[in-house]
PDB file of N, CA and C in Angstrom:
ATOM      1  N   MET A   1      15.580 -11.844  -3.536  1.00  0.00           N
ATOM      2  CA  MET A   1      13.651 -11.715  -3.230  1.00  0.00           C
ATOM      3  C   MET A   1      13.191 -12.094  -4.572  1.00  0.00           C
ATOM      4  N   ILE A   2      12.111 -12.498  -4.183  1.00  0.00           N
ATOM      5  CA  ILE A   2      10.878 -12.645  -5.407  1.00  0.00           C
ATOM      6  C   ILE A   2      10.232 -11.528  -5.455  1.00  0.00           C
ATOM      7  N   ALA A   3      10.028 -10.811  -6.484  1.00  0.00           N
ATOM      8  CA  ALA A   3       9.008  -9.380  -6.592  1.00  0.00           C
ATOM      9  C   ALA A   3       7.792 -10.484  -7.275  1.00  0.00           C
ATOM     10  N   PRO A   4       6.641  -9.911  -6.607  1.00  0.00           N
ATOM     11  CA  PRO A   4       5.396 -10.348  -6.766  1.00  0.00           C
ATOM     12  C   PRO A   4       5.130  -9.152  -8.310  1.00  0.00           C
ATOM     13  N   PRO A   5       3.867  -9.603  -8.836  1.00  0.00           N
ATOM     14  CA  PRO A   5       3.976  -9.294 -10.026  1.00  0.00           C
ATOM     15  C   PRO A   5       3.144  -7.751  -9.684  1.00  0.00           C
ATOM     16  N   HIS A   6       4.110  -6.888 -10.763  1.00  0.00           N
ATOM     17  CA  HIS A   6       3.545  -5.302 -10.486  1.00  0.00           C
ATOM     18  C   HIS A   6       4.039  -4.892 -11.604  1.00  0.00           C
ATOM     19  N   LYS A   7       4.078  -3.253 -11.918  1.00  0.00           N
ATOM     20  CA  LYS A   7       4.009  -2.539 -13.125  1.00  0.00           C
ATOM     21  C   LYS A   7       4.390  -1.366 -12.442  1.00  0.00           C
ATOM     22  N   VAL A   8       5.659  -0.522 -12.691  1.00  0.00           N
ATOM     23  CA  VAL A   8       5.886   0.538 -12.655  1.00  0.00           C
ATOM     24  C   VAL A   8       5.507   1.512 -13.419  1.00  0.00           C
ATOM     25  N   VAL A   9       4.875   2.517 -13.390  1.00  0.00           N
ATOM     26  CA  VAL A   9       3.870   3.679 -13.891  1.00  0.00           C
ATOM     27  C   VAL A   9       5.399   4.761 -13.553  1.00  0.00           C
ATOM     28  N   LYS A  10       5.936   5.636 -14.339  1.00  0.00           N
ATOM     29  CA  LYS A  10       6.902   6.643 -14.709  1.00  0.00           C
ATOM     30  C   LYS A  10       6.071   7.945 -15.054  1.00  0.00           C
ATOM     31  N   ARG A  11       6.339   9.255 -14.531  1.00  0.00           N
ATOM     32  CA  ARG A  11       6.000  10.371 -14.121  1.00  0.00           C
ATOM     33  C   ARG A  11       4.404  10.687 -14.362  1.00  0.00           C
ATOM     34  N   SER A  12       4.116   9.625 -13.051  1.00  0.00           N
ATOM     35  CA  SER A  12       2.759   9.507 -12.762  1.00  0.00           C
ATOM     36  C   SER A  12       2.232  10.936 -12.392  1.00  0.00           C
ATOM     37  N   TRP A  13       0.811  11.773 -12.094  1.00  0.00           N
ATOM     38  CA  TRP A  13       0.441  12.473 -11.290  1.00  0.00           C
ATOM     39  C   TRP A  13      -0.013  12.013  -9.897  1.00  0.00           C
ATOM     40  N   LEU A  14      -0.126  10.850  -9.678  1.00  0.00           N
ATOM     41  CA  LEU A  14      -0.668  10.502  -8.140  1.00  0.00           C
ATOM     42  C   LEU A  14      -0.098  11.208  -7.370  1.00  0.00           C
ATOM     43  N   PRO A  15       1.451  10.809  -6.953  1.00  0.00           N
ATOM     44  CA  PRO A  15       2.037  10.853  -5.897  1.00  0.00           C
ATOM     45  C   PRO A  15       2.343  12.104  -5.584  1.00  0.00           C
ATOM     46  N   VAL A  16       2.405  12.869  -6.539  1.00  0.00           N
ATOM     47  CA  VAL A  16       2.365  14.468  -6.976  1.00  0.00           C
ATOM     48  C   VAL A  16       1.110  15.263  -5.846  1.00  0.00           C
ATOM     49  N   PHE A  17       0.274  14.279  -6.497  1.00  0.00           N
ATOM     50  CA  PHE A  17      -1.247  14.930  -5.738  1.00  0.00           C
ATOM     51  C   PHE A  17      -1.456  14.652  -4.410  1.00  0.00           C
ATOM     52  N   PHE A  18      -1.259  13.057  -4.286  1.00  0.00           N
ATOM     53  CA  PHE A  18      -1.394  12.758  -2.765  1.00  0.00           C
ATOM     54  C   PHE A  18      -0.396  13.319  -2.038  1.00  0.00           C
ATOM     55  N   GLY A  19       0.747  13.658  -2.151  1.00  0.00           N
ATOM     56  CA  GLY A  19       1.538  13.821  -1.746  1.00  0.00           C
ATOM     57  C   GLY A  19       1.624  15.376  -1.238  1.00  0.00           C
ATOM     58  N   LYS A  20       1.014  15.845  -1.974  1.00  0.00           N
ATOM     59  CA  LYS A  20       1.037  17.671  -1.425  1.00  0.00           C
ATOM     60  C   LYS A  20      -0.470  17.335  -0.740  1.00  0.00           C
ATOM     61  N   LEU A  21      -1.529  16.472  -1.223  1.00  0.00           N
ATOM     62  CA  LEU A  21      -2.914  16.544  -0.246  1.00  0.00           C
ATOM     63  C   LEU A  21      -2.804  16.129   1.066  1.00  0.00           C
ATOM     64  N   PHE A  22      -1.916  15.122   1.458  1.00  0.00           N
ATOM     65  CA  PHE A  22      -1.702  14.322   2.645  1.00  0.00           C
ATOM     66  C   PHE A  22       0.162  14.470   3.545  1.00  0.00           C
ATOM     67  N   SER A  23       0.708  15.394   2.604  1.00  0.00           N
ATOM     68  CA  SER A  23       1.944  15.460   3.494  1.00  0.00           C
ATOM     69  C   SER A  23       2.439  17.061   2.772  1.00  0.00           C
ATOM     70  N   HIS A  24       3.993  17.178   2.905  1.00  0.00           N
ATOM     71  CA  HIS A  24       4.308  18.696   2.796  1.00  0.00           C
ATOM     72  C   HIS A  24       5.104  18.600   0.989  1.00  0.00           C
ATOM     73  N   GLY A  25       4.917  17.578   0.478  1.00  0.00           N
ATOM     74  CA  GLY A  25       5.205  17.637  -1.114  1.00  0.00           C
ATOM     75  C   GLY A  25       4.824  16.149  -1.715  1.00  0.00           C
ATOM     76  N   PRO A  26       5.490  16.008  -2.869  1.00  0.00           N
ATOM     77  CA  PRO A  26       5.238  14.904  -3.465  1.00  0.00           C
ATOM     78  C   PRO A  26       5.792  13.409  -3.069  1.00  0.00           C
ATOM     79  N   PHE A  27       5.108  12.492  -2.794  1.00  0.00           N
ATOM     80  CA  PHE A  27       5.419  11.180  -1.782  1.00  0.00           C
ATOM     81  C   PHE A  27       6.579  10.878  -3.796  1.00  0.00           C
ATOM     82  N   GLN A  28       7.687  10.023  -2.728  1.00  0.00           N
ATOM     83  CA  GLN A  28       8.536   9.449  -3.588  1.00  0.00           C
ATOM     84  C   GLN A  28       8.264   8.404  -4.318  1.00  0.00           C
ATOM     85  N   ALA A  29       6.810   7.711  -4.117  1.00  0.00           N
ATOM     86  CA  ALA A  29       6.052   6.645  -5.160  1.00  0.00           C
ATOM     87  C   ALA A  29       5.012   6.390  -4.182  1.00  0.00           C
ATOM     88  N   GLN A  30       4.169   5.908  -5.098  1.00  0.00           N
ATOM     89  CA  GLN A  30       2.648   5.358  -4.075  1.00  0.00           C
ATOM     90  C   GLN A  30       2.277   4.165  -4.827  1.00  0.00           C
ATOM     91  N   THR A  31       1.697   3.416  -4.170  1.00  0.00           N
ATOM     92  CA  THR A  31       1.289   1.774  -4.475  1.00  0.00           C
ATOM     93  C   THR A  31      -0.009   1.951  -4.837  1.00  0.00           C
ATOM     94  N   VAL A  32      -0.457   1.498  -5.697  1.00  0.00           N
ATOM     95  CA  VAL A  32      -2.074   1.514  -5.480  1.00  0.00           C
ATOM     96  C   VAL A  32      -2.377  -0.298  -6.233  1.00  0.00           C
ATOM     97  N   GLY A  33      -2.651  -1.064  -5.635  1.00  0.00           N
ATOM     98  CA  GLY A  33      -2.881  -2.650  -6.034  1.00  0.00           C
ATOM     99  C   GLY A  33      -1.485  -2.645  -6.488  1.00  0.00           C
ATOM    100  N   PRO A  34      -1.494  -3.511  -7.870  1.00  0.00           N
ATOM    101  CA  PRO A  34      -0.524  -4.103  -8.424  1.00  0.00           C
ATOM    102  C   PRO A  34       0.259  -3.232  -8.839  1.00  0.00           C
ATOM    103  N   PHE A  35       0.048  -1.499  -8.649  1.00  0.00           N
ATOM    104  CA  PHE A  35       0.824  -0.592  -9.697  1.00  0.00           C
ATOM    105  C   PHE A  35       1.613   0.159  -8.700  1.00  0.00           C
ATOM    106  N   ILE A  36       3.112   0.658  -9.116  1.00  0.00           N
ATOM    107  CA  ILE A  36       3.874   1.252  -8.150  1.00  0.00           C
ATOM    108  C   ILE A  36       4.017   2.876  -8.995  1.00  0.00           C
ATOM    109  N   PHE A  37       3.291   3.960  -8.687  1.00  0.00           N
ATOM    110  CA  PHE A  37       3.482   5.143  -9.625  1.00  0.00           C
ATOM    111  C   PHE A  37       4.710   5.971  -8.949  1.00  0.00           C
ATOM    112  N   LEU A  38       5.367   6.472 -10.035  1.00  0.00           N
ATOM    113  CA  LEU A  38       6.569   7.167  -9.679  1.00  0.00           C
ATOM    114  C   LEU A  38       6.060   8.460 -10.134  1.00  0.00           C
ATOM    115  N   PRO A  39       6.685  10.008  -9.439  1.00  0.00           N
ATOM    116  CA  PRO A  39       7.019  10.884  -9.602  1.00  0.00           C
ATOM    117  C   PRO A  39       7.882  11.264 -10.832  1.00  0.00           C
ATOM    118  N   GLY A  40       8.370  10.687 -11.096  1.00  0.00           N
ATOM    119  CA  GLY A  40       9.765  11.203 -12.450  1.00  0.00           C
ATOM    120  C   GLY A  40       9.871   9.485 -12.896  1.00  0.00           C
ATOM    121  N   ASP A  41      10.954   9.625 -13.654  1.00  0.00           N
ATOM    122  CA  ASP A  41      11.758   8.480 -14.461  1.00  0.00           C
ATOM    123  C   ASP A  41      12.254   6.950 -13.393  1.00  0.00           C
ATOM    124  N   SER A  42      12.584   7.574 -12.298  1.00  0.00           N
ATOM    125  CA  SER A  42      12.922   6.311 -11.710  1.00  0.00           C
ATOM    126  C   SER A  42      13.108   6.426 -10.109  1.00  0.00           C
ATOM    127  N   PHE A  43      13.447   5.103  -9.231  1.00  0.00           N
ATOM    128  CA  PHE A  43      13.306   5.412  -7.879  1.00  0.00           C
ATOM    129  C   PHE A  43      14.527   6.247  -7.287  1.00  0.00           C
ATOM    130  N   SER A  44      14.433   6.878  -6.453  1.00  0.00           N
ATOM    131  CA  SER A  44      15.126   7.825  -5.553  1.00  0.00           C
ATOM    132  C   SER A  44      16.181   6.649  -4.956  1.00  0.00           C
ATOM    133  N   HIS A  45      15.808   5.757  -4.673  1.00  0.00           N
ATOM    134  CA  HIS A  45      16.726   4.801  -3.744  1.00  0.00           C
ATOM    135  C   HIS A  45      16.369   3.277  -3.694  1.00  0.00           C
ATOM    136  N   ILE A  46      17.224   2.280  -3.597  1.00  0.00           N
ATOM    137  CA  ILE A  46      16.648   1.138  -3.772  1.00  0.00           C
ATOM    138  C   ILE A  46      15.796   0.662  -2.453  1.00  0.00           C
ATOM    139  N   ARG A  47      15.682   1.236  -1.679  1.00  0.00           N
ATOM    140  CA  ARG A  47      14.793   0.985  -0.474  1.00  0.00           C
ATOM    141  C   ARG A  47      13.044   1.311  -0.856  1.00  0.00           C
ATOM    142  N   VAL A  48      13.355   2.422  -1.697  1.00  0.00           N
ATOM    143  CA  VAL A  48      12.025   2.896  -1.983  1.00  0.00           C
ATOM    144  C   VAL A  48      11.175   1.783  -2.991  1.00  0.00           C
ATOM    145  N   TYR A  49      11.941   1.037  -3.614  1.00  0.00           N
ATOM    146  CA  TYR A  49      11.537   0.226  -4.854  1.00  0.00           C
ATOM    147  C   TYR A  49      10.934  -0.947  -3.696  1.00  0.00           C
ATOM    148  N   VAL A  50      11.919  -1.447  -2.501  1.00  0.00           N
ATOM    149  CA  VAL A  50      11.480  -2.624  -1.482  1.00  0.00           C
ATOM    150  C   VAL A  50      10.316  -1.915  -0.756  1.00  0.00           C
ATOM    151  N   HIS A  51      10.222  -0.706  -0.502  1.00  0.00           N
ATOM    152  CA  HIS A  51       9.182  -0.655   0.187  1.00  0.00           C
ATOM    153  C   HIS A  51       7.932  -0.665  -0.305  1.00  0.00           C
ATOM    154  N   GLU A  52       7.910   0.085  -1.384  1.00  0.00           N
ATOM    155  CA  GLU A  52       6.396   0.030  -2.106  1.00  0.00           C
ATOM    156  C   GLU A  52       6.270  -1.491  -2.958  1.00  0.00           C
ATOM    157  N   LEU A  53       6.853  -2.388  -3.067  1.00  0.00           N
ATOM    158  CA  LEU A  53       6.959  -3.821  -3.185  1.00  0.00           C
ATOM    159  C   LEU A  53       6.596  -4.830  -2.250  1.00  0.00           C
ATOM    160  N   ARG A  54       6.931  -4.101  -0.890  1.00  0.00           N
ATOM    161  CA  ARG A  54       6.278  -4.792   0.464  1.00  0.00           C
ATOM    162  C   ARG A  54       4.557  -4.684   0.272  1.00  0.00           C
ATOM    163  N   HIS A  55       4.118  -3.422  -0.078  1.00  0.00           N
ATOM    164  CA  HIS A  55       3.156  -2.582  -0.114  1.00  0.00           C
ATOM    165  C   HIS A  55       2.229  -3.441  -1.424  1.00  0.00           C
ATOM    166  N   VAL A  56       2.562  -4.238  -2.687  1.00  0.00           N
ATOM    167  CA  VAL A  56       1.838  -4.892  -3.678  1.00  0.00           C
ATOM    168  C   VAL A  56       2.023  -6.098  -3.141  1.00  0.00           C
ATOM    169  N   THR A  57       3.227  -6.703  -2.037  1.00  0.00           N
ATOM    170  CA  THR A  57       2.548  -7.813  -1.476  1.00  0.00           C
ATOM    171  C   THR A  57       1.103  -7.914  -0.625  1.00  0.00           C
ATOM    172  N   HIS A  58       1.246  -6.766   0.218  1.00  0.00           N
ATOM    173  CA  HIS A  58       0.203  -6.533   1.181  1.00  0.00           C
ATOM    174  C   HIS A  58      -1.027  -6.706   0.028  1.00  0.00           C
ATOM    175  N   PHE A  59      -1.026  -5.839  -0.941  1.00  0.00           N
ATOM    176  CA  PHE A  59      -2.229  -6.256  -2.030  1.00  0.00           C
ATOM    177  C   PHE A  59      -2.451  -7.609  -2.109  1.00  0.00           C
ATOM    178  N   TYR A  60      -1.754  -8.279  -2.371  1.00  0.00           N
ATOM    179  CA  TYR A  60      -1.876  -9.704  -2.653  1.00  0.00           C
ATOM    180  C   TYR A  60      -2.373 -10.733  -1.822  1.00  0.00           C
ATOM    181  N   ILE A  61      -1.986 -10.059  -0.420  1.00  0.00           N
ATOM    182  CA  ILE A  61      -2.173 -11.161   0.356  1.00  0.00           C
ATOM    183  C   ILE A  61      -3.507 -10.976   0.788  1.00  0.00           C
ATOM    184  N   GLY A  62      -4.236  -9.343   1.021  1.00  0.00           N
ATOM    185  CA  GLY A  62      -5.416  -8.759   1.330  1.00  0.00           C
ATOM    186  C   GLY A  62      -6.472  -9.322   0.230  1.00  0.00           C
ATOM    187  N   TRP A  63      -5.987  -9.764  -1.031  1.00  0.00           N
ATOM    188  CA  TRP A  63      -7.137 -10.043  -2.193  1.00  0.00           C
ATOM    189  C   TRP A  63      -7.320 -11.683  -1.862  1.00  0.00           C
ATOM    190  N   LEU A  64      -6.366 -12.596  -1.339  1.00  0.00           N
ATOM    191  CA  LEU A  64      -6.432 -13.739  -1.016  1.00  0.00           C
ATOM    192  C   LEU A  64      -7.343 -13.932  -0.133  1.00  0.00           C
ATOM    193  N   VAL A  65      -6.686 -13.676   1.182  1.00  0.00           N
ATOM    194  CA  VAL A  65      -7.758 -13.111   2.681  1.00  0.00           C
ATOM    195  C   VAL A  65      -9.178 -12.699   1.993  1.00  0.00           C
ATOM    196  N   GLY A  66      -9.451 -11.346   1.581  1.00  0.00           N
ATOM    197  CA  GLY A  66     -10.670 -10.853   1.367  1.00  0.00           C
ATOM    198  C   GLY A  66     -11.499 -11.822   0.399  1.00  0.00           C
ATOM    199  N   GLY A  67     -10.716 -12.566  -0.525  1.00  0.00           N
ATOM    200  CA  GLY A  67     -11.506 -13.748  -1.167  1.00  0.00           C
ATOM    201  C   GLY A  67     -11.855 -14.905  -0.722  1.00  0.00           C
ATOM    202  N   ALA A  68     -11.361 -15.137   0.248  1.00  0.00           N
ATOM    203  CA  ALA A  68     -11.469 -15.964   0.987  1.00  0.00           C
ATOM    204  C   ALA A  68     -12.871 -15.988   2.063  1.00  0.00           C
ATOM    205  N   VAL A  69     -12.717 -14.448   2.667  1.00  0.00           N
ATOM    206  CA  VAL A  69     -13.850 -14.111   3.551  1.00  0.00           C
ATOM    207  C   VAL A  69     -14.839 -14.087   2.597  1.00  0.00           C
ATOM    208  N   TRP A  70     -14.559 -13.124   1.776  1.00  0.00           N
ATOM    209  CA  TRP A  70     -15.506 -13.250   0.731  1.00  0.00           C
ATOM    210  C   TRP A  70     -16.842 -14.141   0.234  1.00  0.00           C
ATOM    211  N   LEU A  71     -16.227 -15.208  -0.093  1.00  0.00           N
ATOM    212  CA  LEU A  71     -16.265 -16.448  -0.712  1.00  0.00           C
ATOM    213  C   LEU A  71     -17.514 -17.125   0.459  1.00  0.00           C
ATOM    214  N   ALA A  72     -16.636 -16.844   1.893  1.00  0.00           N
ATOM    215  CA  ALA A  72     -17.179 -17.612   2.878  1.00  0.00           C
ATOM    216  C   ALA A  72     -18.665 -17.086   3.583  1.00  0.00           C
ATOM    217  N   LEU A  73     -18.645 -15.579   3.027  1.00  0.00           N
ATOM    218  CA  LEU A  73     -19.843 -15.096   3.540  1.00  0.00           C
ATOM    219  C   LEU A  73     -20.744 -15.173   2.648  1.00  0.00           C
ATOM    220  N   THR A  74     -20.634 -15.340   1.169  1.00  0.00           N
ATOM    221  CA  THR A  74     -21.677 -15.366   0.048  1.00  0.00           C
ATOM    222  C   THR A  74     -21.294 -16.308  -0.719  1.00  0.00           C
ATOM    223  N   PRO A  75     -21.791 -17.100  -1.425  1.00  0.00           N
ATOM    224  CA  PRO A  75     -21.280 -17.924  -2.324  1.00  0.00           C
ATOM    225  C   PRO A  75     -22.175 -17.239  -3.742  1.00  0.00           C
ATOM    226  N   SER A  76     -21.470 -16.277  -3.966  1.00  0.00           N
ATOM    227  CA  SER A  76     -21.943 -15.637  -5.292  1.00  0.00           C
ATOM    228  C   SER A  76     -20.787 -15.223  -5.986  1.00  0.00           C
ATOM    229  N   TRP A  77     -20.754 -14.819  -7.041  1.00  0.00           N
ATOM    230  CA  TRP A  77     -20.018 -13.970  -7.847  1.00  0.00           C
ATOM    231  C   TRP A  77     -19.320 -12.401  -7.418  1.00  0.00           C
ATOM    232  N   TRP A  78     -20.406 -12.024  -6.514  1.00  0.00           N
ATOM    233  CA  TRP A  78     -20.172 -10.626  -6.272  1.00  0.00           C
ATOM    234  C   TRP A  78     -18.775 -10.220  -5.038  1.00  0.00           C
ATOM    235  N   TRP A  79     -18.674 -11.291  -4.723  1.00  0.00           N
ATOM    236  CA  TRP A  79     -17.471 -10.872  -3.821  1.00  0.00           C
ATOM    237  C   TRP A  79     -15.967 -10.802  -4.939  1.00  0.00           C
ATOM    238  N   LEU A  80     -16.081 -10.688  -6.186  1.00  0.00           N
ATOM    239  CA  LEU A  80     -15.031 -10.540  -6.970  1.00  0.00           C
ATOM    240  C   LEU A  80     -14.710  -9.264  -7.050  1.00  0.00           C
ATOM    241  N   LEU A  81     -15.681  -8.541  -6.662  1.00  0.00           N
ATOM    242  CA  LEU A  81     -15.637  -7.119  -7.254  1.00  0.00           C
ATOM    243  C   LEU A  81     -15.022  -6.719  -5.814  1.00  0.00           C
ATOM    244  N   ALA A  82     -15.403  -6.901  -4.392  1.00  0.00           N
ATOM    245  CA  ALA A  82     -14.747  -6.394  -3.383  1.00  0.00           C
ATOM    246  C   ALA A  82     -13.532  -6.417  -3.252  1.00  0.00           C
ATOM    247  N   THR A  83     -13.418  -7.802  -3.724  1.00  0.00           N
ATOM    248  CA  THR A  83     -11.668  -8.270  -3.025  1.00  0.00           C
ATOM    249  C   THR A  83     -10.849  -7.428  -3.123  1.00  0.00           C
ATOM    250  N   PRO A  84     -10.435  -6.874  -4.289  1.00  0.00           N
ATOM    251  CA  PRO A  84      -9.527  -5.659  -4.618  1.00  0.00           C
ATOM    252  C   PRO A  84      -9.329  -4.689  -3.778  1.00  0.00           C
ATOM    253  N   PHE A  85     -10.670  -4.274  -2.718  1.00  0.00           N
ATOM    254  CA  PHE A  85     -10.573  -3.088  -1.887  1.00  0.00           C
ATOM    255  C   PHE A  85     -10.153  -3.955  -0.892  1.00  0.00           C
ATOM    256  N   THR A  86      -9.972  -4.934  -0.384  1.00  0.00           N
ATOM    257  CA  THR A  86      -9.548  -5.338   1.026  1.00  0.00           C
ATOM    258  C   THR A  86      -8.793  -4.933   1.672  1.00  0.00           C
ATOM    259  N   TYR A  87      -7.589  -4.698   0.979  1.00  0.00           N
ATOM    260  CA  TYR A  87      -6.476  -4.417   1.487  1.00  0.00           C
ATOM    261  C   TYR A  87      -6.526  -2.926   1.675  1.00  0.00           C
ATOM    262  N   THR A  88      -7.058  -1.887   0.763  1.00  0.00           N
ATOM    263  CA  THR A  88      -7.154  -0.564   0.940  1.00  0.00           C
ATOM    264  C   THR A  88      -8.158  -0.282   2.094  1.00  0.00           C
ATOM    265  N   LEU A  89      -8.989  -0.931   2.108  1.00  0.00           N
ATOM    266  CA  LEU A  89      -9.789  -1.067   3.699  1.00  0.00           C
ATOM    267  C   LEU A  89      -8.969  -0.986   5.046  1.00  0.00           C
ATOM    268  N   ALA A  90      -8.794  -2.225   4.989  1.00  0.00           N
ATOM    269  CA  ALA A  90      -7.705  -3.124   5.948  1.00  0.00           C
ATOM    270  C   ALA A  90      -6.387  -1.794   6.027  1.00  0.00           C
ATOM    271  N   TYR A  91      -5.798  -0.859   4.872  1.00  0.00           N
ATOM    272  CA  TYR A  91      -4.678   0.044   5.506  1.00  0.00           C
ATOM    273  C   TYR A  91      -5.728   1.341   5.879  1.00  0.00           C
ATOM    274  N   VAL A  92      -6.974   1.716   5.590  1.00  0.00           N
ATOM    275  CA  VAL A  92      -7.582   2.958   6.398  1.00  0.00           C
ATOM    276  C   VAL A  92      -8.119   2.480   7.618  1.00  0.00           C
ATOM    277  N   LEU A  93      -8.472   1.323   7.676  1.00  0.00           N
ATOM    278  CA  LEU A  93      -8.711   1.321   9.339  1.00  0.00           C
ATOM    279  C   LEU A  93      -7.592   0.615  10.327  1.00  0.00           C
ATOM    280  N   ALA A  94      -6.417   0.644   9.671  1.00  0.00           N
ATOM    281  CA  ALA A  94      -5.366   0.590  10.407  1.00  0.00           C
ATOM    282  C   ALA A  94      -4.778   1.739  10.842  1.00  0.00           C
ATOM    283  N   GLY A  95      -4.654   3.118   9.784  1.00  0.00           N
ATOM    284  CA  GLY A  95      -4.488   4.168   9.964  1.00  0.00           C
ATOM    285  C   GLY A  95      -5.216   4.828  10.724  1.00  0.00           C
ATOM    286  N   PHE A  96      -6.747   4.667  10.664  1.00  0.00           N
ATOM    287  CA  PHE A  96      -7.484   4.758  11.670  1.00  0.00           C
ATOM    288  C   PHE A  96      -7.326   4.687  13.294  1.00  0.00           C
ATOM    289  N   TYR A  97      -6.649   3.314  13.248  1.00  0.00           N
ATOM    290  CA  TYR A  97      -6.352   2.509  14.375  1.00  0.00           C
ATOM    291  C   TYR A  97      -5.126   3.518  14.982  1.00  0.00           C
ATOM    292  N   ALA A  98      -4.569   3.751  14.363  1.00  0.00           N
ATOM    293  CA  ALA A  98      -3.163   4.366  14.674  1.00  0.00           C
ATOM    294  C   ALA A  98      -3.696   5.956  15.538  1.00  0.00           C
ATOM    295  N   MET A  99      -4.922   6.281  14.982  1.00  0.00           N
ATOM    296  CA  MET A  99      -4.838   8.073  14.896  1.00  0.00           C
ATOM    297  C   MET A  99      -5.456   7.863  16.138  1.00  0.00           C
ATOM    298  N   VAL A 100      -6.264   6.734  16.643  1.00  0.00           N
ATOM    299  CA  VAL A 100      -7.130   6.455  17.387  1.00  0.00           C
ATOM    300  C   VAL A 100      -6.135   6.433  19.255  1.00  0.00           C
ATOM    301  N   ARG A 101      -4.803   5.919  18.847  1.00  0.00           N
ATOM    302  CA  ARG A 101      -4.279   5.623  19.961  1.00  0.00           C
ATOM    303  C   ARG A 101      -3.218   6.742  20.496  1.00  0.00           C
ATOM    304  N   GLY A 102      -3.526   7.790  19.370  1.00  0.00           N
ATOM    305  CA  GLY A 102      -2.401   9.207  19.591  1.00  0.00           C
ATOM    306  C   GLY A 102      -1.727   8.843  18.477  1.00  0.00           C
ATOM    307  N   SER A 103      -1.446   8.143  17.289  1.00  0.00           N
ATOM    308  CA  SER A 103      -0.357   8.227  16.518  1.00  0.00           C
ATOM    309  C   SER A 103      -0.718   8.929  15.741  1.00  0.00           C
ATOM    310  N   THR A 104       0.081   9.093  14.330  1.00  0.00           N
ATOM    311  CA  THR A 104       0.073   9.314  13.213  1.00  0.00           C
ATOM    312  C   THR A 104      -0.597   8.419  11.947  1.00  0.00           C
ATOM    313  N   TRP A 105      -1.550   8.591  11.266  1.00  0.00           N
ATOM    314  CA  TRP A 105      -2.616   7.487  10.483  1.00  0.00           C
ATOM    315  C   TRP A 105      -1.073   6.720   9.472  1.00  0.00           C
ATOM    316  N   TYR A 106       0.085   7.614   8.841  1.00  0.00           N
ATOM    317  CA  TYR A 106       0.667   7.241   8.021  1.00  0.00           C
ATOM    318  C   TYR A 106       1.670   6.457   8.666  1.00  0.00           C
ATOM    319  N   HIS A 107       2.837   7.724   9.792  1.00  0.00           N
ATOM    320  CA  HIS A 107       3.750   6.787  10.246  1.00  0.00           C
ATOM    321  C   HIS A 107       3.844   5.412  11.305  1.00  0.00           C
ATOM    322  N   ASP A 108       2.715   5.674  12.108  1.00  0.00           N
ATOM    323  CA  ASP A 108       2.285   4.412  12.764  1.00  0.00           C
ATOM    324  C   ASP A 108       1.055   3.362  12.428  1.00  0.00           C
ATOM    325  N   ASN A 109       1.143   3.554  11.124  1.00  0.00           N
ATOM    326  CA  ASN A 109       0.147   2.466  10.255  1.00  0.00           C
ATOM    327  C   ASN A 109       1.079   0.859  10.250  1.00  0.00           C
ATOM    328  N   PRO A 110       0.921  -0.264  10.933  1.00  0.00           N
ATOM    329  CA  PRO A 110       0.825  -1.273  10.705  1.00  0.00           C
ATOM    330  C   PRO A 110       1.724  -1.805   9.316  1.00  0.00           C
ATOM    331  N   PHE A 111       1.018  -0.847   8.262  1.00  0.00           N
ATOM    332  CA  PHE A 111       1.199  -1.588   6.921  1.00  0.00           C
ATOM    333  C   PHE A 111       2.443  -0.998   6.849  1.00  0.00           C
ATOM    334  N   GLU A 112       2.587   0.496   7.207  1.00  0.00           N
ATOM    335  CA  GLU A 112       3.925   1.382   7.126  1.00  0.00           C
ATOM    336  C   GLU A 112       4.663   1.392   7.484  1.00  0.00           C
ATOM    337  N   ARG A 113       4.582   0.254   8.844  1.00  0.00           N
ATOM    338  CA  ARG A 113       6.292   0.058   9.669  1.00  0.00           C
ATOM    339  C   ARG A 113       6.333  -0.847   8.955  1.00  0.00           C
ATOM    340  N   ASP A 114       5.631  -2.070   8.651  1.00  0.00           N
ATOM    341  CA  ASP A 114       6.497  -3.056   8.236  1.00  0.00           C
ATOM    342  C   ASP A 114       6.856  -3.325   7.058  1.00  0.00           C
ATOM    343  N   ALA A 115       6.397  -2.513   6.063  1.00  0.00           N
ATOM    344  CA  ALA A 115       7.017  -2.107   4.897  1.00  0.00           C
ATOM    345  C   ALA A 115       8.752  -1.306   5.222  1.00  0.00           C
ATOM    346  N   ARG A 116       8.609  -0.527   6.052  1.00  0.00           N
ATOM    347  CA  ARG A 116       9.792   0.090   6.331  1.00  0.00           C
ATOM    348  C   ARG A 116      10.643  -1.083   6.841  1.00  0.00           C
ATOM    349  N   ARG A 117      10.405  -1.470   7.834  1.00  0.00           N
ATOM    350  CA  ARG A 117      10.866  -3.065   8.242  1.00  0.00           C
ATOM    351  C   ARG A 117      11.598  -3.694   7.304  1.00  0.00           C
ATOM    352  N   HIS A 118      10.564  -4.137   6.388  1.00  0.00           N
ATOM    353  CA  HIS A 118      11.079  -5.126   5.199  1.00  0.00           C
ATOM    354  C   HIS A 118      12.088  -3.990   4.437  1.00  0.00           C
ATOM    355  N   ALA A 119      12.314  -2.962   4.083  1.00  0.00           N
ATOM    356  CA  ALA A 119      13.473  -1.884   3.267  1.00  0.00           C
ATOM    357  C   ALA A 119      14.401  -2.069   3.999  1.00  0.00           C
ATOM    358  N   GLY A 120      14.233  -2.401   5.303  1.00  0.00           N
ATOM    359  CA  GLY A 120      15.805  -1.878   6.017  1.00  0.00           C
ATOM    360  C   GLY A 120      15.638  -0.378   6.475  1.00  0.00           C
ATOM    361  N   GLU A 121      14.671   0.161   6.552  1.00  0.00           N
ATOM    362  CA  GLU A 121      14.707   1.433   7.134  1.00  0.00           C
ATOM    363  C   GLU A 121      14.136   1.888   8.312  1.00  0.00           C
ATOM    364  N   PRO A 122      14.412   3.025   9.216  1.00  0.00           N
ATOM    365  CA  PRO A 122      14.195   2.591  10.673  1.00  0.00           C
ATOM    366  C   PRO A 122      12.694   2.837  10.840  1.00  0.00           C
ATOM    367  N   VAL A 123      12.577   1.917  11.951  1.00  0.00           N
ATOM    368  CA  VAL A 123      11.247   1.404  12.562  1.00  0.00           C
ATOM    369  C   VAL A 123      11.229   1.935  14.198  1.00  0.00           C
ATOM    370  N   GLU A 124      10.688   2.981  14.677  1.00  0.00           N
ATOM    371  CA  GLU A 124      10.387   3.672  15.747  1.00  0.00           C
ATOM    372  C   GLU A 124       9.846   2.589  16.763  1.00  0.00           C
TER     373      GLU A 124
END
């Protein structure tokens, strides 16, 4: 497996804060763009690492697709500012789509399902 460029940040408050905000406890890890944030010093399991690497890949794909779309829509420099948020917007919209279909925003989010499948985790 070739890992996309990424940075692991240890002992971060992000997975703890957002885990308590959106779940019952801290997340095992949280990915924001090319950064993987851990609440402790190491990954709890290799599957968590592979899962989060898949989200980094999603980010880079979103960046490339977003860059192409923004460049096609407006031939100016400002699209560079919007491109890093393309994946975030797609993730949120996919979560809302899952909720509209009567599922949960996280568990049935297509990006989460893809990451679980890629990591060899069960996907219902």
